[in-house]
Amino acid sequence: MAQFDYAVKGLNELLRALKALPKEGQDELRKASQDIAARHMAPAWRNAALFAGDPWGPIISDSVKTKRDRIPSVTIGGNRPELSGGATATMLRSPSNTGNARGSFAPFERTNWIQYVRGTYQPGALREWTAAIDRIVRKWNR
């Protein structure tokens, strides 16, 4: 499940242009993005999962991992069974009140723990990411 928190006008064009960087420059951008995600995004998502008042918060919190991508990002969930009944962190992330044939776990009460994250990390992460892009483009655009 992909979820985007912040819309950046011209992002697709920027990412296409960044493909012109040499491999080392792209690796540097991926490393910088992963560092930004580790400093800003992952702690915000982990804290939101923990403090949502949900009994599965610690399992969801432990499943937050940074991704190595050109854009700072995290993954939430995983396919490793975490509970005795075989539930994974992905299944716990947004359970259904009603259940369905594809394995959601009724009657979990739906909690909107994701709402606690909105706006907490975005300004700092975006500011650092744009600074990293500027630094990397200046370095490799000689």
N, C-alpha and C. Protein backbone atom coordinates (compact mmCIF):
# COMPACT_ATOMS: atom_id res chain seq x y z
N MET A 1 0.85 -1.17 0.00
CA MET A 1 0.00 0.00 0.00
C MET A 1 0.89 1.22 0.00
N ALA A 2 0.80 2.03 -1.01
CA ALA A 2 1.56 3.26 -1.07
C ALA A 2 0.74 4.40 -0.48
N GLN A 3 1.40 5.22 0.26
CA GLN A 3 0.73 6.36 0.84
C GLN A 3 1.67 7.55 0.74
N PHE A 4 1.15 8.66 0.28
CA PHE A 4 1.97 9.85 0.11
C PHE A 4 1.44 10.91 1.05
N ASP A 5 2.36 11.54 1.77
CA ASP A 5 1.97 12.53 2.75
C ASP A 5 2.11 13.95 2.26
N TYR A 6 2.89 14.17 1.25
CA TYR A 6 3.24 15.52 0.88
C TYR A 6 3.27 15.61 -0.64
N ALA A 7 2.62 16.57 -1.22
CA ALA A 7 2.64 16.76 -2.67
C ALA A 7 3.70 17.82 -3.00
N VAL A 8 4.58 17.50 -3.93
CA VAL A 8 5.62 18.43 -4.34
C VAL A 8 5.44 18.67 -5.83
N LYS A 9 5.11 19.90 -6.18
CA LYS A 9 4.91 20.23 -7.59
C LYS A 9 6.23 20.09 -8.34
N GLY A 10 6.19 19.38 -9.45
CA GLY A 10 7.37 19.19 -10.28
C GLY A 10 8.26 18.04 -9.84
N LEU A 11 7.79 17.23 -8.90
CA LEU A 11 8.61 16.14 -8.38
C LEU A 11 8.96 15.12 -9.46
N ASN A 12 8.01 14.75 -10.29
CA ASN A 12 8.29 13.76 -11.33
C ASN A 12 9.36 14.26 -12.30
N GLU A 13 9.28 15.52 -12.67
CA GLU A 13 10.28 16.09 -13.56
C GLU A 13 11.65 16.11 -12.89
N LEU A 14 11.68 16.45 -11.60
CA LEU A 14 12.93 16.46 -10.86
C LEU A 14 13.55 15.07 -10.81
N LEU A 15 12.75 14.07 -10.52
CA LEU A 15 13.26 12.70 -10.44
C LEU A 15 13.78 12.23 -11.80
N ARG A 16 13.10 12.62 -12.87
CA ARG A 16 13.60 12.27 -14.21
C ARG A 16 14.95 12.93 -14.47
N ALA A 17 15.08 14.19 -14.07
CA ALA A 17 16.33 14.90 -14.28
C ALA A 17 17.46 14.30 -13.44
N LEU A 18 17.13 13.82 -12.25
CA LEU A 18 18.15 13.24 -11.38
C LEU A 18 18.69 11.92 -11.92
N LYS A 19 17.99 11.31 -12.86
CA LYS A 19 18.50 10.09 -13.49
C LYS A 19 19.76 10.35 -14.29
N ALA A 20 20.00 11.63 -14.64
CA ALA A 20 21.20 11.99 -15.40
C ALA A 20 22.45 11.99 -14.52
N LEU A 21 22.27 11.95 -13.20
CA LEU A 21 23.44 11.89 -12.32
C LEU A 21 24.20 10.59 -12.54
N PRO A 22 25.50 10.61 -12.33
CA PRO A 22 26.24 9.34 -12.40
C PRO A 22 25.79 8.42 -11.27
N LYS A 23 26.14 7.15 -11.38
CA LYS A 23 25.72 6.15 -10.40
C LYS A 23 26.11 6.55 -8.98
N GLU A 24 27.31 7.10 -8.82
CA GLU A 24 27.77 7.50 -7.50
C GLU A 24 26.90 8.62 -6.93
N GLY A 25 26.49 9.54 -7.78
CA GLY A 25 25.62 10.63 -7.34
C GLY A 25 24.24 10.12 -6.94
N GLN A 26 23.72 9.17 -7.70
CA GLN A 26 22.42 8.59 -7.34
C GLN A 26 22.52 7.80 -6.04
N ASP A 27 23.63 7.10 -5.84
CA ASP A 27 23.82 6.38 -4.58
C ASP A 27 23.90 7.35 -3.41
N GLU A 28 24.58 8.47 -3.62
CA GLU A 28 24.68 9.49 -2.57
C GLU A 28 23.31 10.06 -2.22
N LEU A 29 22.48 10.28 -3.24
CA LEU A 29 21.12 10.78 -3.00
C LEU A 29 20.28 9.75 -2.24
N ARG A 30 20.40 8.48 -2.62
CA ARG A 30 19.66 7.43 -1.91
C ARG A 30 20.09 7.34 -0.45
N LYS A 31 21.39 7.46 -0.20
CA LYS A 31 21.90 7.41 1.18
C LYS A 31 21.40 8.62 1.98
N ALA A 32 21.45 9.80 1.38
CA ALA A 32 20.97 11.01 2.06
C ALA A 32 19.47 10.90 2.36
N SER A 33 18.70 10.38 1.42
CA SER A 33 17.26 10.22 1.63
C SER A 33 16.97 9.23 2.73
N GLN A 34 17.74 8.14 2.78
CA GLN A 34 17.53 7.15 3.83
C GLN A 34 17.89 7.74 5.20
N ASP A 35 18.95 8.55 5.26
CA ASP A 35 19.33 9.20 6.52
C ASP A 35 18.24 10.17 6.98
N ILE A 36 17.67 10.91 6.06
CA ILE A 36 16.60 11.86 6.40
C ILE A 36 15.39 11.09 6.92
N ALA A 37 15.05 10.00 6.25
CA ALA A 37 13.92 9.19 6.70
C ALA A 37 14.17 8.62 8.10
N ALA A 38 15.41 8.22 8.37
CA ALA A 38 15.74 7.67 9.68
C ALA A 38 15.66 8.72 10.78
N ARG A 39 16.02 9.96 10.45
CA ARG A 39 15.99 11.04 11.46
C ARG A 39 14.60 11.62 11.67
N HIS A 40 13.83 11.75 10.61
CA HIS A 40 12.56 12.47 10.70
C HIS A 40 11.33 11.56 10.65
N MET A 41 11.28 10.72 9.63
CA MET A 41 10.06 9.97 9.35
C MET A 41 9.86 8.76 10.25
N ALA A 42 10.87 7.92 10.34
CA ALA A 42 10.72 6.68 11.11
C ALA A 42 10.36 6.95 12.57
N PRO A 43 11.02 7.89 13.27
CA PRO A 43 10.62 8.15 14.66
C PRO A 43 9.18 8.66 14.77
N ALA A 44 8.76 9.49 13.83
CA ALA A 44 7.38 10.01 13.88
C ALA A 44 6.38 8.88 13.71
N TRP A 45 6.61 7.99 12.75
CA TRP A 45 5.69 6.87 12.53
C TRP A 45 5.71 5.89 13.69
N ARG A 46 6.90 5.63 14.24
CA ARG A 46 6.99 4.72 15.39
C ARG A 46 6.24 5.28 16.60
N ASN A 47 6.45 6.55 16.88
CA ASN A 47 5.77 7.17 18.02
C ASN A 47 4.26 7.19 17.83
N ALA A 48 3.81 7.47 16.63
CA ALA A 48 2.37 7.50 16.38
C ALA A 48 1.75 6.12 16.62
N ALA A 49 2.43 5.09 16.18
CA ALA A 49 1.92 3.73 16.39
C ALA A 49 1.89 3.38 17.88
N LEU A 50 2.91 3.80 18.60
CA LEU A 50 2.98 3.48 20.03
C LEU A 50 1.94 4.22 20.87
N PHE A 51 1.70 5.48 20.54
CA PHE A 51 0.86 6.31 21.38
C PHE A 51 -0.59 6.42 20.92
N ALA A 52 -0.97 5.59 19.97
CA ALA A 52 -2.34 5.65 19.47
C ALA A 52 -3.32 4.96 20.41
N GLY A 53 -2.83 4.33 21.46
CA GLY A 53 -3.71 3.64 22.38
C GLY A 53 -4.15 2.29 21.87
N ASP A 54 -3.50 1.80 20.85
CA ASP A 54 -3.82 0.53 20.22
C ASP A 54 -2.97 -0.56 20.87
N PRO A 55 -3.54 -1.70 21.23
CA PRO A 55 -2.72 -2.75 21.85
C PRO A 55 -1.67 -3.34 20.90
N TRP A 56 -1.80 -3.11 19.60
CA TRP A 56 -0.85 -3.64 18.63
C TRP A 56 0.19 -2.60 18.25
N GLY A 57 0.16 -1.45 18.89
CA GLY A 57 1.10 -0.38 18.58
C GLY A 57 2.56 -0.79 18.59
N PRO A 58 3.03 -1.53 19.61
CA PRO A 58 4.43 -1.92 19.61
C PRO A 58 4.83 -2.80 18.42
N ILE A 59 3.92 -3.66 17.98
CA ILE A 59 4.23 -4.52 16.82
C ILE A 59 4.33 -3.67 15.56
N ILE A 60 3.38 -2.75 15.39
CA ILE A 60 3.41 -1.89 14.21
C ILE A 60 4.64 -0.98 14.27
N SER A 61 4.93 -0.45 15.45
CA SER A 61 6.07 0.44 15.61
C SER A 61 7.38 -0.26 15.25
N ASP A 62 7.53 -1.49 15.67
CA ASP A 62 8.75 -2.24 15.36
C ASP A 62 8.88 -2.56 13.87
N SER A 63 7.78 -2.49 13.14
CA SER A 63 7.81 -2.83 11.72
C SER A 63 8.16 -1.65 10.82
N VAL A 64 8.34 -0.46 11.38
CA VAL A 64 8.67 0.73 10.58
C VAL A 64 10.14 0.66 10.19
N LYS A 65 10.40 0.66 8.90
CA LYS A 65 11.76 0.58 8.37
C LYS A 65 11.96 1.65 7.31
N THR A 66 13.17 2.18 7.23
CA THR A 66 13.48 3.16 6.19
C THR A 66 13.77 2.43 4.88
N LYS A 67 13.48 3.11 3.78
CA LYS A 67 13.74 2.54 2.46
C LYS A 67 14.93 3.26 1.83
N ARG A 68 15.65 2.55 1.01
CA ARG A 68 16.74 3.16 0.26
C ARG A 68 16.17 3.58 -1.09
N ASP A 69 15.78 4.84 -1.16
CA ASP A 69 15.12 5.38 -2.34
C ASP A 69 15.61 6.80 -2.56
N ARG A 70 15.30 7.38 -3.72
CA ARG A 70 15.71 8.76 -3.97
C ARG A 70 14.88 9.75 -3.16
N ILE A 71 13.71 9.33 -2.72
CA ILE A 71 12.84 10.16 -1.90
C ILE A 71 12.83 9.56 -0.50
N PRO A 72 12.94 10.37 0.55
CA PRO A 72 12.86 9.81 1.90
C PRO A 72 11.53 9.09 2.10
N SER A 73 11.61 7.82 2.52
CA SER A 73 10.38 7.06 2.70
C SER A 73 10.60 5.92 3.68
N VAL A 74 9.48 5.42 4.19
CA VAL A 74 9.50 4.30 5.13
C VAL A 74 8.48 3.26 4.66
N THR A 75 8.66 2.04 5.14
CA THR A 75 7.65 1.01 4.97
C THR A 75 7.10 0.69 6.35
N ILE A 76 5.82 0.38 6.39
CA ILE A 76 5.18 0.04 7.65
C ILE A 76 4.50 -1.30 7.46
N GLY A 77 4.89 -2.24 8.27
CA GLY A 77 4.32 -3.58 8.17
C GLY A 77 5.35 -4.56 7.69
N GLY A 78 4.91 -5.76 7.55
CA GLY A 78 5.78 -6.83 7.09
C GLY A 78 4.98 -8.11 7.00
N ASN A 79 5.54 -9.09 6.37
CA ASN A 79 4.82 -10.35 6.16
C ASN A 79 5.20 -11.45 7.14
N ARG A 80 6.06 -11.13 8.09
CA ARG A 80 6.44 -12.13 9.10
C ARG A 80 5.34 -12.21 10.15
N PRO A 81 4.84 -13.39 10.45
CA PRO A 81 3.79 -13.51 11.47
C PRO A 81 4.29 -12.99 12.82
N GLU A 82 3.52 -12.09 13.42
CA GLU A 82 3.91 -11.47 14.68
C GLU A 82 3.09 -11.98 15.86
N LEU A 83 1.88 -12.45 15.60
CA LEU A 83 0.99 -12.90 16.66
C LEU A 83 0.76 -14.40 16.55
N SER A 84 0.30 -14.99 17.64
CA SER A 84 0.13 -16.45 17.67
C SER A 84 -0.86 -16.94 16.61
N GLY A 85 -1.81 -16.12 16.21
CA GLY A 85 -2.77 -16.53 15.19
C GLY A 85 -2.25 -16.34 13.78
N GLY A 86 -1.04 -15.84 13.63
CA GLY A 86 -0.45 -15.67 12.31
C GLY A 86 -0.60 -14.29 11.72
N ALA A 87 -1.13 -13.34 12.48
CA ALA A 87 -1.29 -11.97 11.97
C ALA A 87 0.08 -11.32 11.78
N THR A 88 0.19 -10.58 10.69
CA THR A 88 1.41 -9.85 10.39
C THR A 88 1.21 -8.39 10.76
N ALA A 89 2.30 -7.64 10.80
CA ALA A 89 2.20 -6.20 11.09
C ALA A 89 1.41 -5.48 9.99
N THR A 90 1.49 -5.96 8.77
CA THR A 90 0.71 -5.36 7.69
C THR A 90 -0.78 -5.53 7.95
N MET A 91 -1.17 -6.70 8.43
CA MET A 91 -2.58 -6.94 8.74
C MET A 91 -3.04 -6.06 9.90
N LEU A 92 -2.17 -5.80 10.84
CA LEU A 92 -2.52 -4.99 12.00
C LEU A 92 -2.55 -3.50 11.70
N ARG A 93 -1.85 -3.10 10.66
CA ARG A 93 -1.69 -1.68 10.35
C ARG A 93 -3.02 -0.96 10.18
N SER A 94 -3.94 -1.54 9.48
CA SER A 94 -5.25 -0.92 9.30
C SER A 94 -6.32 -2.00 9.24
N PRO A 95 -6.65 -2.58 10.40
CA PRO A 95 -7.62 -3.67 10.41
C PRO A 95 -9.03 -3.19 10.09
N SER A 96 -9.86 -4.13 9.72
CA SER A 96 -11.24 -3.85 9.36
C SER A 96 -12.16 -4.13 10.54
N ASN A 97 -13.21 -3.35 10.67
CA ASN A 97 -14.23 -3.61 11.69
C ASN A 97 -15.07 -4.82 11.33
N THR A 98 -15.21 -5.10 10.06
CA THR A 98 -16.14 -6.14 9.63
C THR A 98 -15.46 -7.42 9.20
N GLY A 99 -14.21 -7.35 8.82
CA GLY A 99 -13.53 -8.54 8.34
C GLY A 99 -13.90 -8.84 6.90
N ASN A 100 -13.12 -9.66 6.26
CA ASN A 100 -13.43 -10.08 4.90
C ASN A 100 -12.76 -11.43 4.64
N ALA A 101 -12.98 -11.95 3.48
CA ALA A 101 -12.50 -13.28 3.16
C ALA A 101 -10.99 -13.33 2.93
N ARG A 102 -10.33 -12.19 2.83
CA ARG A 102 -8.90 -12.18 2.54
C ARG A 102 -8.06 -12.08 3.81
N GLY A 103 -8.61 -12.34 4.96
CA GLY A 103 -7.78 -12.48 6.15
C GLY A 103 -7.71 -11.30 7.08
N SER A 104 -8.60 -10.32 7.01
CA SER A 104 -8.54 -9.28 8.03
C SER A 104 -9.10 -9.84 9.32
N PHE A 105 -8.71 -9.25 10.40
CA PHE A 105 -9.01 -9.81 11.70
C PHE A 105 -10.13 -9.06 12.39
N ALA A 106 -11.37 -9.47 12.17
CA ALA A 106 -12.51 -8.91 12.88
C ALA A 106 -12.54 -9.53 14.25
N PRO A 107 -12.97 -8.93 15.29
CA PRO A 107 -13.55 -7.59 15.32
C PRO A 107 -12.60 -6.54 15.87
N PHE A 108 -11.40 -6.38 15.30
CA PHE A 108 -10.52 -5.30 15.72
C PHE A 108 -11.25 -3.98 15.58
N GLU A 109 -11.05 -3.11 16.52
CA GLU A 109 -11.62 -1.78 16.40
C GLU A 109 -10.68 -0.95 15.54
N ARG A 110 -11.24 -0.29 14.56
CA ARG A 110 -10.41 0.53 13.68
C ARG A 110 -9.94 1.77 14.44
N THR A 111 -8.64 1.97 14.45
CA THR A 111 -8.08 3.18 15.03
C THR A 111 -7.34 3.91 13.93
N ASN A 112 -7.45 5.20 13.92
CA ASN A 112 -6.79 5.98 12.89
C ASN A 112 -5.49 6.55 13.44
N TRP A 113 -4.58 5.67 13.80
CA TRP A 113 -3.31 6.09 14.39
C TRP A 113 -2.46 6.89 13.42
N ILE A 114 -2.72 6.72 12.13
CA ILE A 114 -1.94 7.42 11.11
C ILE A 114 -2.17 8.94 11.20
N GLN A 115 -3.32 9.36 11.70
CA GLN A 115 -3.62 10.79 11.80
C GLN A 115 -2.65 11.52 12.73
N TYR A 116 -2.02 10.82 13.65
CA TYR A 116 -1.12 11.46 14.60
C TYR A 116 0.21 11.88 13.97
N VAL A 117 0.49 11.41 12.78
CA VAL A 117 1.77 11.68 12.14
C VAL A 117 1.70 12.90 11.23
N ARG A 118 0.57 13.16 10.66
CA ARG A 118 0.42 14.23 9.67
C ARG A 118 1.06 15.54 10.14
N GLY A 119 1.97 16.04 9.34
CA GLY A 119 2.55 17.34 9.60
C GLY A 119 3.67 17.37 10.61
N THR A 120 4.00 16.26 11.25
CA THR A 120 5.01 16.32 12.31
C THR A 120 6.43 16.34 11.76
N TYR A 121 6.68 15.67 10.68
CA TYR A 121 8.05 15.57 10.17
C TYR A 121 8.23 16.24 8.82
N GLN A 122 7.16 16.56 8.13
CA GLN A 122 7.26 16.98 6.73
C GLN A 122 8.12 18.22 6.49
N PRO A 123 7.93 19.31 7.22
CA PRO A 123 8.74 20.50 6.89
C PRO A 123 10.24 20.27 7.03
N GLY A 124 10.67 19.66 8.12
CA GLY A 124 12.10 19.42 8.31
C GLY A 124 12.66 18.44 7.30
N ALA A 125 11.94 17.37 7.04
CA ALA A 125 12.41 16.37 6.09
C ALA A 125 12.50 16.95 4.68
N LEU A 126 11.50 17.72 4.28
CA LEU A 126 11.52 18.31 2.94
C LEU A 126 12.64 19.33 2.81
N ARG A 127 12.86 20.12 3.84
CA ARG A 127 13.94 21.11 3.82
C ARG A 127 15.30 20.42 3.69
N GLU A 128 15.53 19.38 4.47
CA GLU A 128 16.81 18.65 4.39
C GLU A 128 16.97 17.95 3.04
N TRP A 129 15.87 17.40 2.52
CA TRP A 129 15.96 16.68 1.25
C TRP A 129 16.31 17.64 0.11
N THR A 130 15.69 18.80 0.07
CA THR A 130 16.01 19.77 -0.99
C THR A 130 17.45 20.26 -0.85
N ALA A 131 17.93 20.43 0.39
CA ALA A 131 19.33 20.82 0.59
C ALA A 131 20.27 19.72 0.10
N ALA A 132 19.91 18.47 0.35
CA ALA A 132 20.74 17.35 -0.12
C ALA A 132 20.77 17.30 -1.64
N ILE A 133 19.62 17.53 -2.27
CA ILE A 133 19.59 17.54 -3.74
C ILE A 133 20.47 18.65 -4.27
N ASP A 134 20.36 19.85 -3.69
CA ASP A 134 21.20 20.97 -4.13
C ASP A 134 22.68 20.63 -4.00
N ARG A 135 23.05 20.07 -2.86
CA ARG A 135 24.45 19.74 -2.60
C ARG A 135 24.95 18.68 -3.60
N ILE A 136 24.16 17.66 -3.83
CA ILE A 136 24.57 16.57 -4.72
C ILE A 136 24.63 17.03 -6.17
N VAL A 137 23.66 17.82 -6.60
CA VAL A 137 23.67 18.31 -7.98
C VAL A 137 24.87 19.22 -8.21
N ARG A 138 25.18 20.10 -7.25
CA ARG A 138 26.35 20.97 -7.38
C ARG A 138 27.64 20.14 -7.46
N LYS A 139 27.71 19.10 -6.64
CA LYS A 139 28.91 18.27 -6.60
C LYS A 139 29.11 17.51 -7.91
N TRP A 140 28.03 16.95 -8.48
CA TRP A 140 28.16 16.09 -9.65
C TRP A 140 27.88 16.79 -10.97
N ASN A 141 27.53 18.05 -10.94
CA ASN A 141 27.20 18.77 -12.16
C ASN A 141 28.34 19.71 -12.54
N ARG A 142 29.54 19.18 -12.61
CA ARG A 142 30.70 20.00 -12.95
C ARG A 142 31.04 19.84 -14.40
